[in-house]
């Protein structure tokens, strides 16, 4: 994947970059689903803190059924808009 984007860069840390890109895409997909999913209208985006916001009851019930989203309850995700422009389908 990195070779397509930067074909002549000759980066030696290629696996590390590709791993980071996969993690960013996975994290973006989680946040994107929370904000624009069909049944997730209770979530919002705080553009100043760059994080997903919702009431505690909403978070608790969503985390019960989706264990991996717990990391986004108190942490920011500053690359959301940039990754949305890359990965979101029109």
PDB file of N, CA and C in Angstrom:
ATOM      1  N   UNK A   1       0.828  -1.188   0.000  1.00  0.00           N
ATOM      2  CA  UNK A   1       0.000   0.000   0.000  1.00  0.00           C
ATOM      3  C   UNK A   1       0.873   1.252   0.000  1.00  0.00           C
ATOM      4  N   UNK A   2       1.915   1.251   0.809  1.00  0.00           N
ATOM      5  CA  UNK A   2       2.788   2.415   0.893  1.00  0.00           C
ATOM      6  C   UNK A   2       3.560   2.622  -0.402  1.00  0.00           C
ATOM      7  N   UNK A   3       3.879   1.528  -1.092  1.00  0.00           N
ATOM      8  CA  UNK A   3       4.610   1.638  -2.356  1.00  0.00           C
ATOM      9  C   UNK A   3       3.793   2.363  -3.419  1.00  0.00           C
ATOM     10  N   UNK A   4       2.486   2.231  -3.374  1.00  0.00           N
ATOM     11  CA  UNK A   4       1.631   2.924  -4.329  1.00  0.00           C
ATOM     12  C   UNK A   4       1.600   4.422  -4.066  1.00  0.00           C
ATOM     13  N   UNK A   5       1.621   4.798  -2.790  1.00  0.00           N
ATOM     14  CA  UNK A   5       1.535   6.206  -2.409  1.00  0.00           C
ATOM     15  C   UNK A   5       2.883   6.899  -2.577  1.00  0.00           C
ATOM     16  N   UNK A   6       3.953   6.247  -2.128  1.00  0.00           N
ATOM     17  CA  UNK A   6       5.303   6.815  -2.189  1.00  0.00           C
ATOM     18  C   UNK A   6       6.239   5.812  -2.871  1.00  0.00           C
ATOM     19  N   UNK A   7       6.169   5.673  -4.201  1.00  0.00           N
ATOM     20  CA  UNK A   7       6.897   4.598  -4.882  1.00  0.00           C
ATOM     21  C   UNK A   7       8.419   4.697  -4.800  1.00  0.00           C
ATOM     22  N   UNK A   8       8.975   5.893  -4.743  1.00  0.00           N
ATOM     23  CA  UNK A   8      10.432   6.031  -4.772  1.00  0.00           C
ATOM     24  C   UNK A   8      11.000   6.508  -3.435  1.00  0.00           C
ATOM     25  N   UNK A   9      10.276   6.368  -2.375  1.00  0.00           N
ATOM     26  CA  UNK A   9      10.722   6.866  -1.074  1.00  0.00           C
ATOM     27  C   UNK A   9      11.782   5.962  -0.444  1.00  0.00           C
ATOM     28  N   UNK A  10      11.787   4.679  -0.768  1.00  0.00           N
ATOM     29  CA  UNK A  10      12.734   3.696  -0.236  1.00  0.00           C
ATOM     30  C   UNK A  10      12.780   3.750   1.293  1.00  0.00           C
ATOM     31  N   UNK A  11      11.631   3.732   1.906  1.00  0.00           N
ATOM     32  CA  UNK A  11      11.535   3.776   3.357  1.00  0.00           C
ATOM     33  C   UNK A  11      11.856   2.408   3.944  1.00  0.00           C
ATOM     34  N   UNK A  12      12.663   2.390   4.988  1.00  0.00           N
ATOM     35  CA  UNK A  12      13.028   1.133   5.627  1.00  0.00           C
ATOM     36  C   UNK A  12      12.053   0.749   6.734  1.00  0.00           C
ATOM     37  N   UNK A  13      11.239   1.679   7.139  1.00  0.00           N
ATOM     38  CA  UNK A  13      10.274   1.419   8.202  1.00  0.00           C
ATOM     39  C   UNK A  13       8.903   1.103   7.626  1.00  0.00           C
ATOM     40  N   UNK A  14       8.880   0.513   6.470  1.00  0.00           N
ATOM     41  CA  UNK A  14       7.641   0.248   5.754  1.00  0.00           C
ATOM     42  C   UNK A  14       6.607  -0.531   6.585  1.00  0.00           C
ATOM     43  N   UNK A  15       6.973  -1.631   7.236  1.00  0.00           N
ATOM     44  CA  UNK A  15       5.950  -2.343   8.025  1.00  0.00           C
ATOM     45  C   UNK A  15       5.364  -1.487   9.139  1.00  0.00           C
ATOM     46  N   UNK A  16       6.178  -0.647   9.737  1.00  0.00           N
ATOM     47  CA  UNK A  16       5.689   0.202  10.812  1.00  0.00           C
ATOM     48  C   UNK A  16       4.687   1.226  10.277  1.00  0.00           C
ATOM     49  N   UNK A  17       4.967   1.811   9.116  1.00  0.00           N
ATOM     50  CA  UNK A  17       4.040   2.764   8.509  1.00  0.00           C
ATOM     51  C   UNK A  17       2.732   2.091   8.122  1.00  0.00           C
ATOM     52  N   UNK A  18       2.839   0.924   7.507  1.00  0.00           N
ATOM     53  CA  UNK A  18       1.629   0.220   7.084  1.00  0.00           C
ATOM     54  C   UNK A  18       0.787  -0.202   8.288  1.00  0.00           C
ATOM     55  N   UNK A  19       1.436  -0.598   9.358  1.00  0.00           N
ATOM     56  CA  UNK A  19       0.708  -0.952  10.574  1.00  0.00           C
ATOM     57  C   UNK A  19      -0.010   0.264  11.146  1.00  0.00           C
ATOM     58  N   UNK A  20       0.657   1.398  11.144  1.00  0.00           N
ATOM     59  CA  UNK A  20       0.043   2.637  11.657  1.00  0.00           C
ATOM     60  C   UNK A  20      -1.139   3.053  10.783  1.00  0.00           C
ATOM     61  N   UNK A  21      -1.003   2.915   9.475  1.00  0.00           N
ATOM     62  CA  UNK A  21      -2.096   3.263   8.562  1.00  0.00           C
ATOM     63  C   UNK A  21      -3.290   2.352   8.805  1.00  0.00           C
ATOM     64  N   UNK A  22      -3.047   1.051   8.985  1.00  0.00           N
ATOM     65  CA  UNK A  22      -4.146   0.114   9.268  1.00  0.00           C
ATOM     66  C   UNK A  22      -4.843   0.468  10.575  1.00  0.00           C
ATOM     67  N   UNK A  23      -4.066   0.821  11.608  1.00  0.00           N
ATOM     68  CA  UNK A  23      -4.656   1.186  12.901  1.00  0.00           C
ATOM     69  C   UNK A  23      -5.475   2.468  12.783  1.00  0.00           C
ATOM     70  N   UNK A  24      -4.975   3.459  12.074  1.00  0.00           N
ATOM     71  CA  UNK A  24      -5.738   4.695  11.881  1.00  0.00           C
ATOM     72  C   UNK A  24      -7.034   4.436  11.130  1.00  0.00           C
ATOM     73  N   UNK A  25      -6.960   3.587  10.099  1.00  0.00           N
ATOM     74  CA  UNK A  25      -8.170   3.286   9.329  1.00  0.00           C
ATOM     75  C   UNK A  25      -9.183   2.519  10.183  1.00  0.00           C
ATOM     76  N   UNK A  26      -8.705   1.583  10.998  1.00  0.00           N
ATOM     77  CA  UNK A  26      -9.600   0.828  11.874  1.00  0.00           C
ATOM     78  C   UNK A  26     -10.254   1.753  12.907  1.00  0.00           C
ATOM     79  N   UNK A  27      -9.452   2.620  13.522  1.00  0.00           N
ATOM     80  CA  UNK A  27      -9.994   3.555  14.504  1.00  0.00           C
ATOM     81  C   UNK A  27     -10.969   4.525  13.857  1.00  0.00           C
ATOM     82  N   UNK A  28     -10.635   5.000  12.661  1.00  0.00           N
ATOM     83  CA  UNK A  28     -11.540   5.906  11.954  1.00  0.00           C
ATOM     84  C   UNK A  28     -12.870   5.207  11.666  1.00  0.00           C
ATOM     85  N   UNK A  29     -12.827   3.959  11.238  1.00  0.00           N
ATOM     86  CA  UNK A  29     -14.053   3.230  10.920  1.00  0.00           C
ATOM     87  C   UNK A  29     -14.957   3.101  12.151  1.00  0.00           C
ATOM     88  N   UNK A  30     -14.352   2.906  13.317  1.00  0.00           N
ATOM     89  CA  UNK A  30     -15.126   2.807  14.553  1.00  0.00           C
ATOM     90  C   UNK A  30     -15.814   4.130  14.855  1.00  0.00           C
ATOM     91  N   UNK A  31     -15.047   5.219  14.808  1.00  0.00           N
ATOM     92  CA  UNK A  31     -15.609   6.546  15.103  1.00  0.00           C
ATOM     93  C   UNK A  31     -16.640   6.935  14.052  1.00  0.00           C
ATOM     94  N   UNK A  32     -16.362   6.655  12.788  1.00  0.00           N
ATOM     95  CA  UNK A  32     -17.287   6.983  11.703  1.00  0.00           C
ATOM     96  C   UNK A  32     -18.612   6.250  11.884  1.00  0.00           C
ATOM     97  N   UNK A  33     -18.536   4.988  12.270  1.00  0.00           N
ATOM     98  CA  UNK A  33     -19.755   4.212  12.493  1.00  0.00           C
ATOM     99  C   UNK A  33     -20.547   4.765  13.671  1.00  0.00           C
ATOM    100  N   UNK A  34     -19.846   5.218  14.697  1.00  0.00           N
ATOM    101  CA  UNK A  34     -20.544   5.795  15.847  1.00  0.00           C
ATOM    102  C   UNK A  34     -21.259   7.087  15.467  1.00  0.00           C
ATOM    103  N   UNK A  35     -20.643   7.897  14.639  1.00  0.00           N
ATOM    104  CA  UNK A  35     -21.220   9.199  14.300  1.00  0.00           C
ATOM    105  C   UNK A  35     -22.241   9.146  13.169  1.00  0.00           C
ATOM    106  N   UNK A  36     -22.077   8.224  12.248  1.00  0.00           N
ATOM    107  CA  UNK A  36     -22.987   8.221  11.104  1.00  0.00           C
ATOM    108  C   UNK A  36     -23.702   6.890  10.915  1.00  0.00           C
ATOM    109  N   UNK A  37     -23.642   6.023  11.901  1.00  0.00           N
ATOM    110  CA  UNK A  37     -24.336   4.750  11.816  1.00  0.00           C
ATOM    111  C   UNK A  37     -25.840   4.933  11.855  1.00  0.00           C
ATOM    112  N   UNK A  38     -26.537   3.941  11.362  1.00  0.00           N
ATOM    113  CA  UNK A  38     -27.993   4.013  11.259  1.00  0.00           C
ATOM    114  C   UNK A  38     -28.678   4.141  12.614  1.00  0.00           C
ATOM    115  N   UNK A  39     -28.187   3.430  13.621  1.00  0.00           N
ATOM    116  CA  UNK A  39     -28.852   3.402  14.921  1.00  0.00           C
ATOM    117  C   UNK A  39     -28.090   4.168  16.000  1.00  0.00           C
ATOM    118  N   UNK A  40     -27.193   5.047  15.608  1.00  0.00           N
ATOM    119  CA  UNK A  40     -26.326   5.727  16.571  1.00  0.00           C
ATOM    120  C   UNK A  40     -26.529   7.231  16.550  1.00  0.00           C
ATOM    121  N   UNK A  41     -27.736   7.683  16.546  1.00  0.00           N
ATOM    122  CA  UNK A  41     -27.999   9.120  16.459  1.00  0.00           C
ATOM    123  C   UNK A  41     -27.723   9.852  17.762  1.00  0.00           C
ATOM    124  N   UNK A  42     -27.466   9.126  18.835  1.00  0.00           N
ATOM    125  CA  UNK A  42     -27.230   9.767  20.136  1.00  0.00           C
ATOM    126  C   UNK A  42     -25.812  10.291  20.289  1.00  0.00           C
ATOM    127  N   UNK A  43     -24.920   9.940  19.363  1.00  0.00           N
ATOM    128  CA  UNK A  43     -23.538  10.384  19.448  1.00  0.00           C
ATOM    129  C   UNK A  43     -23.352  11.683  18.681  1.00  0.00           C
ATOM    130  N   UNK A  44     -22.447  12.500  19.171  1.00  0.00           N
ATOM    131  CA  UNK A  44     -22.116  13.750  18.504  1.00  0.00           C
ATOM    132  C   UNK A  44     -20.615  13.939  18.469  1.00  0.00           C
ATOM    133  N   UNK A  45     -20.171  15.012  17.834  1.00  0.00           N
ATOM    134  CA  UNK A  45     -18.744  15.301  17.697  1.00  0.00           C
ATOM    135  C   UNK A  45     -18.451  16.663  18.302  1.00  0.00           C
ATOM    136  N   UNK A  46     -17.512  16.701  19.217  1.00  0.00           N
ATOM    137  CA  UNK A  46     -17.055  17.954  19.816  1.00  0.00           C
ATOM    138  C   UNK A  46     -15.851  18.425  19.011  1.00  0.00           C
ATOM    139  N   UNK A  47     -16.044  19.451  18.203  1.00  0.00           N
ATOM    140  CA  UNK A  47     -14.971  19.869  17.301  1.00  0.00           C
ATOM    141  C   UNK A  47     -13.823  20.557  18.022  1.00  0.00           C
ATOM    142  N   UNK A  48     -14.044  21.035  19.233  1.00  0.00           N
ATOM    143  CA  UNK A  48     -12.964  21.693  19.979  1.00  0.00           C
ATOM    144  C   UNK A  48     -12.066  20.668  20.678  1.00  0.00           C
ATOM    145  N   UNK A  49     -12.689  19.645  21.262  1.00  0.00           N
ATOM    146  CA  UNK A  49     -11.905  18.598  21.923  1.00  0.00           C
ATOM    147  C   UNK A  49     -11.557  17.460  20.969  1.00  0.00           C
ATOM    148  N   UNK A  50     -12.127  17.473  19.767  1.00  0.00           N
ATOM    149  CA  UNK A  50     -11.871  16.446  18.746  1.00  0.00           C
ATOM    150  C   UNK A  50     -12.198  15.051  19.271  1.00  0.00           C
ATOM    151  N   UNK A  51     -13.406  14.905  19.819  1.00  0.00           N
ATOM    152  CA  UNK A  51     -13.793  13.606  20.356  1.00  0.00           C
ATOM    153  C   UNK A  51     -15.293  13.371  20.247  1.00  0.00           C
ATOM    154  N   UNK A  52     -15.664  12.109  20.339  1.00  0.00           N
ATOM    155  CA  UNK A  52     -17.064  11.701  20.299  1.00  0.00           C
ATOM    156  C   UNK A  52     -17.684  12.003  21.664  1.00  0.00           C
ATOM    157  N   UNK A  53     -18.892  12.566  21.639  1.00  0.00           N
ATOM    158  CA  UNK A  53     -19.580  12.888  22.886  1.00  0.00           C
ATOM    159  C   UNK A  53     -20.969  12.256  22.894  1.00  0.00           C
ATOM    160  N   UNK A  54     -21.398  11.884  24.098  1.00  0.00           N
ATOM    161  CA  UNK A  54     -22.739  11.322  24.303  1.00  0.00           C
ATOM    162  C   UNK A  54     -22.980  11.281  25.803  1.00  0.00           C
ATOM    163  N   UNK A  55     -24.214  11.044  26.171  1.00  0.00           N
ATOM    164  CA  UNK A  55     -24.552  10.902  27.586  1.00  0.00           C
ATOM    165  C   UNK A  55     -23.972   9.593  28.115  1.00  0.00           C
ATOM    166  N   UNK A  56     -23.772   9.535  29.427  1.00  0.00           N
ATOM    167  CA  UNK A  56     -23.175   8.349  30.045  1.00  0.00           C
ATOM    168  C   UNK A  56     -23.994   7.083  29.785  1.00  0.00           C
ATOM    169  N   UNK A  57     -25.305   7.188  29.832  1.00  0.00           N
ATOM    170  CA  UNK A  57     -26.151   6.014  29.601  1.00  0.00           C
ATOM    171  C   UNK A  57     -25.972   5.482  28.177  1.00  0.00           C
ATOM    172  N   UNK A  58     -25.831   6.380  27.221  1.00  0.00           N
ATOM    173  CA  UNK A  58     -25.622   5.975  25.816  1.00  0.00           C
ATOM    174  C   UNK A  58     -24.282   5.268  25.685  1.00  0.00           C
ATOM    175  N   UNK A  59     -23.242   5.850  26.273  1.00  0.00           N
ATOM    176  CA  UNK A  59     -21.911   5.228  26.220  1.00  0.00           C
ATOM    177  C   UNK A  59     -21.943   3.841  26.856  1.00  0.00           C
ATOM    178  N   UNK A  60     -22.527   3.738  28.027  1.00  0.00           N
ATOM    179  CA  UNK A  60     -22.536   2.456  28.744  1.00  0.00           C
ATOM    180  C   UNK A  60     -23.224   1.363  27.944  1.00  0.00           C
ATOM    181  N   UNK A  61     -24.361   1.663  27.367  1.00  0.00           N
ATOM    182  CA  UNK A  61     -25.068   0.638  26.594  1.00  0.00           C
ATOM    183  C   UNK A  61     -24.328   0.297  25.302  1.00  0.00           C
ATOM    184  N   UNK A  62     -23.704   1.287  24.678  1.00  0.00           N
ATOM    185  CA  UNK A  62     -22.980   1.020  23.426  1.00  0.00           C
ATOM    186  C   UNK A  62     -21.697   0.227  23.696  1.00  0.00           C
ATOM    187  N   UNK A  63     -21.023   0.530  24.800  1.00  0.00           N
ATOM    188  CA  UNK A  63     -19.797  -0.188  25.129  1.00  0.00           C
ATOM    189  C   UNK A  63     -20.091  -1.638  25.493  1.00  0.00           C
ATOM    190  N   UNK A  64     -21.248  -1.897  26.080  1.00  0.00           N
ATOM    191  CA  UNK A  64     -21.627  -3.280  26.393  1.00  0.00           C
ATOM    192  C   UNK A  64     -21.699  -4.136  25.136  1.00  0.00           C
ATOM    193  N   UNK A  65     -22.176  -3.574  24.056  1.00  0.00           N
ATOM    194  CA  UNK A  65     -22.309  -4.357  22.827  1.00  0.00           C
ATOM    195  C   UNK A  65     -21.129  -4.194  21.865  1.00  0.00           C
ATOM    196  N   UNK A  66     -20.316  -3.160  22.054  1.00  0.00           N
ATOM    197  CA  UNK A  66     -19.149  -2.914  21.198  1.00  0.00           C
ATOM    198  C   UNK A  66     -17.953  -2.611  22.110  1.00  0.00           C
ATOM    199  N   UNK A  67     -17.210  -3.611  22.487  1.00  0.00           N
ATOM    200  CA  UNK A  67     -16.142  -3.467  23.481  1.00  0.00           C
ATOM    201  C   UNK A  67     -15.018  -2.532  23.023  1.00  0.00           C
ATOM    202  N   UNK A  68     -14.702  -2.510  21.738  1.00  0.00           N
ATOM    203  CA  UNK A  68     -13.543  -1.742  21.265  1.00  0.00           C
ATOM    204  C   UNK A  68     -13.749  -0.235  21.280  1.00  0.00           C
ATOM    205  N   UNK A  69     -14.978   0.228  21.427  1.00  0.00           N
ATOM    206  CA  UNK A  69     -15.221   1.678  21.386  1.00  0.00           C
ATOM    207  C   UNK A  69     -14.922   2.372  22.705  1.00  0.00           C
ATOM    208  N   UNK A  70     -14.670   1.623  23.745  1.00  0.00           N
ATOM    209  CA  UNK A  70     -14.403   2.215  25.047  1.00  0.00           C
ATOM    210  C   UNK A  70     -13.223   3.165  25.046  1.00  0.00           C
ATOM    211  N   UNK A  71     -12.265   2.926  24.174  1.00  0.00           N
ATOM    212  CA  UNK A  71     -11.087   3.789  24.108  1.00  0.00           C
ATOM    213  C   UNK A  71     -11.415   5.206  23.654  1.00  0.00           C
ATOM    214  N   UNK A  72     -12.526   5.399  22.977  1.00  0.00           N
ATOM    215  CA  UNK A  72     -12.877   6.719  22.453  1.00  0.00           C
ATOM    216  C   UNK A  72     -13.783   7.526  23.385  1.00  0.00           C
ATOM    217  N   UNK A  73     -14.094   6.961  24.527  1.00  0.00           N
ATOM    218  CA  UNK A  73     -14.986   7.667  25.452  1.00  0.00           C
ATOM    219  C   UNK A  73     -14.322   8.904  26.050  1.00  0.00           C
ATOM    220  N   UNK A  74     -13.037   8.818  26.355  1.00  0.00           N
ATOM    221  CA  UNK A  74     -12.338   9.932  26.981  1.00  0.00           C
ATOM    222  C   UNK A  74     -11.126  10.408  26.180  1.00  0.00           C
ATOM    223  N   UNK A  75     -10.900   9.831  25.026  1.00  0.00           N
ATOM    224  CA  UNK A  75      -9.719  10.197  24.224  1.00  0.00           C
ATOM    225  C   UNK A  75     -10.135  10.910  22.945  1.00  0.00           C
ATOM    226  N   UNK A  76      -9.299  11.838  22.537  1.00  0.00           N
ATOM    227  CA  UNK A  76      -9.595  12.568  21.304  1.00  0.00           C
ATOM    228  C   UNK A  76      -9.130  11.761  20.094  1.00  0.00           C
ATOM    229  N   UNK A  77      -9.667  12.106  18.945  1.00  0.00           N
ATOM    230  CA  UNK A  77      -9.287  11.500  17.676  1.00  0.00           C
ATOM    231  C   UNK A  77      -9.096  12.639  16.674  1.00  0.00           C
ATOM    232  N   UNK A  78      -7.927  13.299  16.712  1.00  0.00           N
ATOM    233  CA  UNK A  78      -7.737  14.543  15.967  1.00  0.00           C
ATOM    234  C   UNK A  78      -7.708  14.395  14.447  1.00  0.00           C
ATOM    235  N   UNK A  79      -7.543  13.196  13.931  1.00  0.00           N
ATOM    236  CA  UNK A  79      -7.439  13.029  12.483  1.00  0.00           C
ATOM    237  C   UNK A  79      -8.765  12.647  11.830  1.00  0.00           C
ATOM    238  N   UNK A  80      -9.856  12.789  12.543  1.00  0.00           N
ATOM    239  CA  UNK A  80     -11.142  12.306  12.031  1.00  0.00           C
ATOM    240  C   UNK A  80     -11.519  12.954  10.697  1.00  0.00           C
ATOM    241  N   UNK A  81     -11.464  14.267  10.593  1.00  0.00           N
ATOM    242  CA  UNK A  81     -11.882  14.935   9.355  1.00  0.00           C
ATOM    243  C   UNK A  81     -10.955  14.611   8.195  1.00  0.00           C
ATOM    244  N   UNK A  82      -9.659  14.547   8.439  1.00  0.00           N
ATOM    245  CA  UNK A  82      -8.720  14.215   7.375  1.00  0.00           C
ATOM    246  C   UNK A  82      -8.932  12.783   6.880  1.00  0.00           C
ATOM    247  N   UNK A  83      -9.117  11.859   7.806  1.00  0.00           N
ATOM    248  CA  UNK A  83      -9.334  10.473   7.401  1.00  0.00           C
ATOM    249  C   UNK A  83     -10.700  10.282   6.749  1.00  0.00           C
ATOM    250  N   UNK A  84     -11.680  11.058   7.140  1.00  0.00           N
ATOM    251  CA  UNK A  84     -12.986  10.992   6.491  1.00  0.00           C
ATOM    252  C   UNK A  84     -12.876  11.415   5.026  1.00  0.00           C
ATOM    253  N   UNK A  85     -12.090  12.435   4.752  1.00  0.00           N
ATOM    254  CA  UNK A  85     -11.928  12.850   3.360  1.00  0.00           C
ATOM    255  C   UNK A  85     -11.200  11.806   2.539  1.00  0.00           C
ATOM    256  N   UNK A  86     -10.394  10.955   3.187  1.00  0.00           N
ATOM    257  CA  UNK A  86      -9.677   9.903   2.467  1.00  0.00           C
ATOM    258  C   UNK A  86     -10.524   8.654   2.307  1.00  0.00           C
ATOM    259  N   UNK A  87     -11.146   8.185   3.386  1.00  0.00           N
ATOM    260  CA  UNK A  87     -11.789   6.878   3.403  1.00  0.00           C
ATOM    261  C   UNK A  87     -13.288   6.851   3.181  1.00  0.00           C
ATOM    262  N   UNK A  88     -13.977   7.940   3.435  1.00  0.00           N
ATOM    263  CA  UNK A  88     -15.441   7.918   3.303  1.00  0.00           C
ATOM    264  C   UNK A  88     -15.842   7.854   1.833  1.00  0.00           C
ATOM    265  N   UNK A  89     -16.862   7.090   1.597  1.00  0.00           N
ATOM    266  CA  UNK A  89     -17.394   6.999   0.228  1.00  0.00           C
ATOM    267  C   UNK A  89     -18.407   8.111   0.026  1.00  0.00           C
ATOM    268  N   UNK A  90     -18.423   8.674  -1.155  1.00  0.00           N
ATOM    269  CA  UNK A  90     -19.360   9.770  -1.454  1.00  0.00           C
ATOM    270  C   UNK A  90     -20.774   9.267  -1.595  1.00  0.00           C
TER     271      UNK A  90
END
